[in-house]
PDB file of N, CA and C in Angstrom:
ATOM      1  N   MET A   1       0.687  -1.086  -0.248  1.00  0.00           N
ATOM      2  CA  MET A   1       0.215   0.256   0.132  1.00  0.00           C
ATOM      3  C   MET A   1       0.856   0.863  -0.005  1.00  0.00           C
ATOM      4  N   SER A   2       2.156   1.072   0.355  1.00  0.00           N
ATOM      5  CA  SER A   2       2.981   2.106   0.676  1.00  0.00           C
ATOM      6  C   SER A   2       3.337   2.901  -0.372  1.00  0.00           C
ATOM      7  N   LYS A   3       3.436   1.442  -1.765  1.00  0.00           N
ATOM      8  CA  LYS A   3       3.600   1.954  -3.075  1.00  0.00           C
ATOM      9  C   LYS A   3       3.337   2.559  -3.492  1.00  0.00           C
ATOM     10  N   ILE A   4       2.108   2.246  -3.742  1.00  0.00           N
ATOM     11  CA  ILE A   4       1.170   2.992  -4.333  1.00  0.00           C
ATOM     12  C   ILE A   4       0.608   4.615  -4.028  1.00  0.00           C
ATOM     13  N   ARG A   5       0.993   4.666  -2.133  1.00  0.00           N
ATOM     14  CA  ARG A   5       1.052   6.246  -1.963  1.00  0.00           C
ATOM     15  C   ARG A   5       1.931   6.761  -2.584  1.00  0.00           C
ATOM     16  N   SER A   6       3.265   6.518  -2.235  1.00  0.00           N
ATOM     17  CA  SER A   6       4.406   6.802  -2.724  1.00  0.00           C
ATOM     18  C   SER A   6       3.921   7.166  -4.255  1.00  0.00           C
ATOM     19  N   TYR A   7       3.691   6.248  -5.016  1.00  0.00           N
ATOM     20  CA  TYR A   7       3.647   6.833  -6.828  1.00  0.00           C
ATOM     21  C   TYR A   7       2.616   8.049  -6.612  1.00  0.00           C
ATOM     22  N   PHE A   8       1.472   7.841  -5.914  1.00  0.00           N
ATOM     23  CA  PHE A   8       0.647   9.181  -6.271  1.00  0.00           C
ATOM     24  C   PHE A   8       1.573  10.579  -5.706  1.00  0.00           C
ATOM     25  N   GLN A   9       2.309  10.412  -4.886  1.00  0.00           N
ATOM     26  CA  GLN A   9       2.542  11.597  -4.300  1.00  0.00           C
ATOM     27  C   GLN A   9       3.534  12.030  -5.542  1.00  0.00           C
ATOM     28  N   GLU A  10       4.638  10.977  -5.889  1.00  0.00           N
ATOM     29  CA  GLU A  10       5.836  11.553  -6.710  1.00  0.00           C
ATOM     30  C   GLU A  10       5.068  11.967  -7.866  1.00  0.00           C
ATOM     31  N   THR A  11       4.217  11.203  -8.151  1.00  0.00           N
ATOM     32  CA  THR A  11       3.310  11.485  -9.637  1.00  0.00           C
ATOM     33  C   THR A  11       2.978  13.006  -9.639  1.00  0.00           C
ATOM     34  N   TYR A  12       2.034  13.552  -8.693  1.00  0.00           N
ATOM     35  CA  TYR A  12       1.682  14.860  -7.855  1.00  0.00           C
ATOM     36  C   TYR A  12       2.679  15.623  -8.586  1.00  0.00           C
ATOM     37  N   GLN A  13       4.212  15.490  -7.393  1.00  0.00           N
ATOM     38  CA  GLN A  13       5.000  16.220  -7.451  1.00  0.00           C
ATOM     39  C   GLN A  13       5.149  16.909  -8.707  1.00  0.00           C
ATOM     40  N   GLU A  14       5.700  15.637  -9.782  1.00  0.00           N
ATOM     41  CA  GLU A  14       6.253  15.695 -11.040  1.00  0.00           C
ATOM     42  C   GLU A  14       5.201  16.507 -11.735  1.00  0.00           C
ATOM     43  N   MET A  15       3.977  16.179 -11.685  1.00  0.00           N
ATOM     44  CA  MET A  15       3.145  17.018 -12.365  1.00  0.00           C
ATOM     45  C   MET A  15       2.733  19.107 -11.887  1.00  0.00           C
ATOM     46  N   VAL A  16       2.977  19.000 -11.061  1.00  0.00           N
ATOM     47  CA  VAL A  16       2.826  20.528 -10.426  1.00  0.00           C
ATOM     48  C   VAL A  16       4.902  21.100 -10.649  1.00  0.00           C
ATOM     49  N   HIS A  17       5.429  20.699 -10.269  1.00  0.00           N
ATOM     50  CA  HIS A  17       7.207  21.110 -10.127  1.00  0.00           C
ATOM     51  C   HIS A  17       7.617  21.139 -11.296  1.00  0.00           C
ATOM     52  N   ASN A  18       7.673  19.992 -12.303  1.00  0.00           N
ATOM     53  CA  ASN A  18       8.655  19.693 -13.377  1.00  0.00           C
ATOM     54  C   ASN A  18       7.807  19.935 -14.495  1.00  0.00           C
ATOM     55  N   VAL A  19       6.762  19.527 -14.568  1.00  0.00           N
ATOM     56  CA  VAL A  19       5.908  19.649 -16.192  1.00  0.00           C
ATOM     57  C   VAL A  19       5.571  21.414 -16.189  1.00  0.00           C
ATOM     58  N   THR A  20       6.208  21.537 -17.972  1.00  0.00           N
ATOM     59  CA  THR A  20       6.079  22.663 -18.193  1.00  0.00           C
ATOM     60  C   THR A  20       4.594  23.021 -19.054  1.00  0.00           C
ATOM     61  N   TRP A  21       3.855  23.670 -18.368  1.00  0.00           N
ATOM     62  CA  TRP A  21       2.471  23.977 -19.125  1.00  0.00           C
ATOM     63  C   TRP A  21       2.196  24.990 -20.066  1.00  0.00           C
ATOM     64  N   PRO A  22       2.292  24.613 -21.196  1.00  0.00           N
ATOM     65  CA  PRO A  22       1.482  25.651 -21.960  1.00  0.00           C
ATOM     66  C   PRO A  22       0.757  26.968 -21.518  1.00  0.00           C
ATOM     67  N   THR A  23       1.315  28.187 -21.816  1.00  0.00           N
ATOM     68  CA  THR A  23       0.145  29.045 -21.636  1.00  0.00           C
ATOM     69  C   THR A  23      -1.058  29.022 -22.458  1.00  0.00           C
ATOM     70  N   TRP A  24      -2.309  29.929 -22.214  1.00  0.00           N
ATOM     71  CA  TRP A  24      -3.473  29.960 -22.933  1.00  0.00           C
ATOM     72  C   TRP A  24      -3.282  29.957 -24.087  1.00  0.00           C
ATOM     73  N   LYS A  25      -2.578  31.177 -24.480  1.00  0.00           N
ATOM     74  CA  LYS A  25      -2.247  31.907 -26.112  1.00  0.00           C
ATOM     75  C   LYS A  25      -1.780  30.487 -26.424  1.00  0.00           C
ATOM     76  N   GLU A  26      -0.489  29.988 -26.338  1.00  0.00           N
ATOM     77  CA  GLU A  26       0.164  28.550 -26.912  1.00  0.00           C
ATOM     78  C   GLU A  26      -0.891  27.774 -27.233  1.00  0.00           C
ATOM     79  N   LEU A  27      -1.700  27.403 -26.529  1.00  0.00           N
ATOM     80  CA  LEU A  27      -2.829  26.235 -26.378  1.00  0.00           C
ATOM     81  C   LEU A  27      -4.367  27.060 -27.588  1.00  0.00           C
ATOM     82  N   GLN A  28      -4.278  27.847 -27.672  1.00  0.00           N
ATOM     83  CA  GLN A  28      -4.882  28.458 -28.781  1.00  0.00           C
ATOM     84  C   GLN A  28      -4.985  28.316 -29.991  1.00  0.00           C
ATOM     85  N   ASN A  29      -3.268  28.727 -30.057  1.00  0.00           N
ATOM     86  CA  ASN A  29      -2.419  28.631 -31.404  1.00  0.00           C
ATOM     87  C   ASN A  29      -1.994  26.907 -31.457  1.00  0.00           C
ATOM     88  N   ASN A  30      -2.211  26.374 -30.659  1.00  0.00           N
ATOM     89  CA  ASN A  30      -1.758  25.053 -31.111  1.00  0.00           C
ATOM     90  C   ASN A  30      -2.957  24.080 -31.433  1.00  0.00           C
ATOM     91  N   THR A  31      -4.416  24.636 -30.621  1.00  0.00           N
ATOM     92  CA  THR A  31      -5.747  24.236 -31.377  1.00  0.00           C
ATOM     93  C   THR A  31      -6.007  24.708 -32.999  1.00  0.00           C
ATOM     94  N   ILE A  32      -5.837  25.649 -32.998  1.00  0.00           N
ATOM     95  CA  ILE A  32      -6.186  26.330 -34.557  1.00  0.00           C
ATOM     96  C   ILE A  32      -5.619  25.469 -35.356  1.00  0.00           C
ATOM     97  N   LEU A  33      -3.954  25.129 -34.771  1.00  0.00           N
ATOM     98  CA  LEU A  33      -3.424  24.804 -36.249  1.00  0.00           C
ATOM     99  C   LEU A  33      -3.473  23.176 -35.984  1.00  0.00           C
ATOM    100  N   VAL A  34      -3.906  22.440 -35.324  1.00  0.00           N
ATOM    101  CA  VAL A  34      -4.164  20.774 -35.243  1.00  0.00           C
ATOM    102  C   VAL A  34      -5.936  21.048 -36.185  1.00  0.00           C
ATOM    103  N   VAL A  35      -6.583  21.997 -35.887  1.00  0.00           N
ATOM    104  CA  VAL A  35      -8.018  21.826 -36.344  1.00  0.00           C
ATOM    105  C   VAL A  35      -7.882  22.233 -37.620  1.00  0.00           C
ATOM    106  N   VAL A  36      -6.989  23.256 -38.418  1.00  0.00           N
ATOM    107  CA  VAL A  36      -6.858  23.269 -39.530  1.00  0.00           C
ATOM    108  C   VAL A  36      -5.817  22.150 -40.380  1.00  0.00           C
ATOM    109  N   ALA A  37      -5.320  21.427 -39.835  1.00  0.00           N
ATOM    110  CA  ALA A  37      -4.445  20.494 -40.211  1.00  0.00           C
ATOM    111  C   ALA A  37      -5.463  19.624 -40.589  1.00  0.00           C
ATOM    112  N   SER A  38      -6.369  19.333 -39.406  1.00  0.00           N
ATOM    113  CA  SER A  38      -7.335  18.292 -39.435  1.00  0.00           C
ATOM    114  C   SER A  38      -8.282  18.036 -40.600  1.00  0.00           C
ATOM    115  N   VAL A  39      -8.852  19.886 -40.771  1.00  0.00           N
ATOM    116  CA  VAL A  39      -9.471  19.700 -42.118  1.00  0.00           C
ATOM    117  C   VAL A  39      -9.143  19.666 -43.402  1.00  0.00           C
ATOM    118  N   LEU A  40      -7.514  20.146 -43.626  1.00  0.00           N
ATOM    119  CA  LEU A  40      -6.609  19.575 -44.947  1.00  0.00           C
ATOM    120  C   LEU A  40      -6.663  18.788 -45.291  1.00  0.00           C
ATOM    121  N   ILE A  41      -6.348  17.449 -44.238  1.00  0.00           N
ATOM    122  CA  ILE A  41      -6.123  16.192 -44.378  1.00  0.00           C
ATOM    123  C   ILE A  41      -7.485  15.487 -44.823  1.00  0.00           C
ATOM    124  N   ALA A  42      -9.007  16.137 -44.155  1.00  0.00           N
ATOM    125  CA  ALA A  42      -9.878  15.255 -44.274  1.00  0.00           C
ATOM    126  C   ALA A  42     -10.303  15.762 -45.791  1.00  0.00           C
ATOM    127  N   LEU A  43     -10.197  17.112 -46.285  1.00  0.00           N
ATOM    128  CA  LEU A  43     -10.101  17.196 -47.880  1.00  0.00           C
ATOM    129  C   LEU A  43      -9.302  16.229 -48.195  1.00  0.00           C
ATOM    130  N   LEU A  44      -8.351  16.433 -48.368  1.00  0.00           N
ATOM    131  CA  LEU A  44      -7.382  15.758 -49.126  1.00  0.00           C
ATOM    132  C   LEU A  44      -7.901  14.174 -49.683  1.00  0.00           C
ATOM    133  N   ILE A  45      -8.137  13.490 -48.224  1.00  0.00           N
ATOM    134  CA  ILE A  45      -9.160  12.103 -48.014  1.00  0.00           C
ATOM    135  C   ILE A  45     -10.217  12.183 -48.755  1.00  0.00           C
ATOM    136  N   PHE A  46     -10.347  13.173 -49.036  1.00  0.00           N
ATOM    137  CA  PHE A  46     -11.820  13.189 -49.737  1.00  0.00           C
ATOM    138  C   PHE A  46     -11.373  13.358 -51.314  1.00  0.00           C
ATOM    139  N   ALA A  47     -11.033  14.325 -51.336  1.00  0.00           N
ATOM    140  CA  ALA A  47     -10.666  14.115 -53.019  1.00  0.00           C
ATOM    141  C   ALA A  47      -9.908  12.808 -53.537  1.00  0.00           C
ATOM    142  N   MET A  48      -9.063  12.202 -52.595  1.00  0.00           N
ATOM    143  CA  MET A  48      -8.675  10.721 -53.033  1.00  0.00           C
ATOM    144  C   MET A  48      -9.455   9.854 -52.957  1.00  0.00           C
ATOM    145  N   ASP A  49     -10.831  10.092 -52.182  1.00  0.00           N
ATOM    146  CA  ASP A  49     -11.427   8.796 -52.291  1.00  0.00           C
ATOM    147  C   ASP A  49     -12.347   9.579 -53.416  1.00  0.00           C
ATOM    148  N   TYR A  50     -12.470  10.644 -53.674  1.00  0.00           N
ATOM    149  CA  TYR A  50     -13.306  11.134 -55.154  1.00  0.00           C
ATOM    150  C   TYR A  50     -12.972  10.409 -56.163  1.00  0.00           C
ATOM    151  N   ALA A  51     -11.840  10.533 -56.525  1.00  0.00           N
ATOM    152  CA  ALA A  51     -10.477  10.630 -58.063  1.00  0.00           C
ATOM    153  C   ALA A  51     -10.548   8.854 -57.800  1.00  0.00           C
ATOM    154  N   PHE A  52     -10.144   7.948 -56.885  1.00  0.00           N
ATOM    155  CA  PHE A  52      -9.536   6.765 -56.818  1.00  0.00           C
ATOM    156  C   PHE A  52     -10.667   5.927 -56.639  1.00  0.00           C
ATOM    157  N   GLY A  53     -11.669   6.352 -56.030  1.00  0.00           N
ATOM    158  CA  GLY A  53     -13.048   5.167 -55.642  1.00  0.00           C
ATOM    159  C   GLY A  53     -14.465   5.294 -56.388  1.00  0.00           C
ATOM    160  N   ILE A  54     -14.872   4.405 -56.053  1.00  0.00           N
ATOM    161  CA  ILE A  54     -16.044   3.828 -56.830  1.00  0.00           C
ATOM    162  C   ILE A  54     -17.298   4.502 -56.336  1.00  0.00           C
ATOM    163  N   SER A  55     -17.988   5.187 -57.227  1.00  0.00           N
ATOM    164  CA  SER A  55     -19.371   6.186 -57.619  1.00  0.00           C
ATOM    165  C   SER A  55     -20.418   5.128 -57.111  1.00  0.00           C
ATOM    166  N   GLY A  56     -21.122   5.708 -56.268  1.00  0.00           N
ATOM    167  CA  GLY A  56     -22.281   4.960 -55.443  1.00  0.00           C
ATOM    168  C   GLY A  56     -23.260   4.799 -56.723  1.00  0.00           C
ATOM    169  N   GLU A  57     -23.349   5.358 -57.456  1.00  0.00           N
ATOM    170  CA  GLU A  57     -24.589   5.637 -58.660  1.00  0.00           C
ATOM    171  C   GLU A  57     -24.209   4.289 -59.119  1.00  0.00           C
ATOM    172  N   GLU A  58     -25.324   3.664 -59.802  1.00  0.00           N
ATOM    173  CA  GLU A  58     -25.247   2.310 -60.776  1.00  0.00           C
ATOM    174  C   GLU A  58     -24.921   3.061 -62.382  1.00  0.00           C
ATOM    175  N   GLY A  59     -25.496   3.632 -62.962  1.00  0.00           N
ATOM    176  CA  GLY A  59     -24.704   4.162 -64.419  1.00  0.00           C
ATOM    177  C   GLY A  59     -24.071   5.144 -64.399  1.00  0.00           C
ATOM    178  N   SER A  60     -23.294   5.233 -63.430  1.00  0.00           N
ATOM    179  CA  SER A  60     -21.929   6.291 -63.246  1.00  0.00           C
ATOM    180  C   SER A  60     -20.979   6.184 -64.321  1.00  0.00           C
ATOM    181  N   LEU A  61     -20.548   6.839 -65.646  1.00  0.00           N
ATOM    182  CA  LEU A  61     -19.527   6.693 -66.387  1.00  0.00           C
ATOM    183  C   LEU A  61     -18.474   6.697 -65.400  1.00  0.00           C
ATOM    184  N   TRP A  62     -17.997   7.481 -64.869  1.00  0.00           N
ATOM    185  CA  TRP A  62     -16.844   7.350 -63.820  1.00  0.00           C
ATOM    186  C   TRP A  62     -16.591   6.589 -62.575  1.00  0.00           C
ATOM    187  N   LYS A  63     -15.885   6.054 -62.796  1.00  0.00           N
ATOM    188  CA  LYS A  63     -15.644   5.060 -61.566  1.00  0.00           C
ATOM    189  C   LYS A  63     -14.925   5.048 -60.376  1.00  0.00           C
ATOM    190  N   GLY A  64     -13.907   5.698 -60.986  1.00  0.00           N
ATOM    191  CA  GLY A  64     -12.723   6.005 -60.554  1.00  0.00           C
ATOM    192  C   GLY A  64     -11.467   5.007 -61.385  1.00  0.00           C
ATOM    193  N   LEU A  65     -10.194   4.774 -60.530  1.00  0.00           N
ATOM    194  CA  LEU A  65      -9.671   3.816 -60.683  1.00  0.00           C
ATOM    195  C   LEU A  65      -9.247   2.430 -60.415  1.00  0.00           C
ATOM    196  N   LEU A  66     -10.071   2.639 -59.244  1.00  0.00           N
ATOM    197  CA  LEU A  66     -10.262   1.501 -58.306  1.00  0.00           C
ATOM    198  C   LEU A  66     -11.810   0.650 -58.691  1.00  0.00           C
ATOM    199  N   GLY A  67     -12.212   1.675 -59.403  1.00  0.00           N
ATOM    200  CA  GLY A  67     -13.678   1.157 -59.740  1.00  0.00           C
ATOM    201  C   GLY A  67     -13.447   0.309 -60.989  1.00  0.00           C
ATOM    202  N   PHE A  68     -12.313   1.201 -62.203  1.00  0.00           N
ATOM    203  CA  PHE A  68     -11.922   0.286 -62.985  1.00  0.00           C
ATOM    204  C   PHE A  68     -10.849  -1.105 -62.661  1.00  0.00           C
ATOM    205  N   ILE A  69      -9.921  -0.644 -62.093  1.00  0.00           N
ATOM    206  CA  ILE A  69      -9.921  -2.317 -61.345  1.00  0.00           C
ATOM    207  C   ILE A  69     -10.735  -3.367 -60.832  1.00  0.00           C
ATOM    208  N   TYR A  70     -11.401  -2.712 -60.233  1.00  0.00           N
ATOM    209  CA  TYR A  70     -12.853  -4.229 -59.813  1.00  0.00           C
ATOM    210  C   TYR A  70     -13.338  -4.693 -60.758  1.00  0.00           C
ATOM    211  N   GLY A  71     -13.722  -3.412 -61.937  1.00  0.00           N
ATOM    212  CA  GLY A  71     -14.531  -4.220 -62.921  1.00  0.00           C
ATOM    213  C   GLY A  71     -14.089  -5.007 -63.829  1.00  0.00           C
ATOM    214  N   SER A  72     -12.941  -5.023 -63.739  1.00  0.00           N
ATOM    215  CA  SER A  72     -11.715  -6.172 -64.815  1.00  0.00           C
ATOM    216  C   SER A  72     -11.710  -6.812 -64.373  1.00  0.00           C
ATOM    217  N   PHE A  73     -12.269  -7.729 -62.698  1.00  0.00           N
ATOM    218  CA  PHE A  73     -12.080  -8.846 -62.389  1.00  0.00           C
ATOM    219  C   PHE A  73     -13.859  -9.581 -62.710  1.00  0.00           C
TER     220      PHE A  73
END
């Protein structure tokens, strides 16, 4: 039981005295950066899925590269 108590005391000391926490402004800037990067990556994946993916419509002319490959089998 003393090892568990010691673990939590050491963890508390580490988090309070040794960890460098970001300022509110740094946190906001990093959050905006992550959101923008996430949106850009999502748009890139959407574009690749649209270009190379299989169209959901039955009579569609464009089925993408994967539609062409899957249609040949």
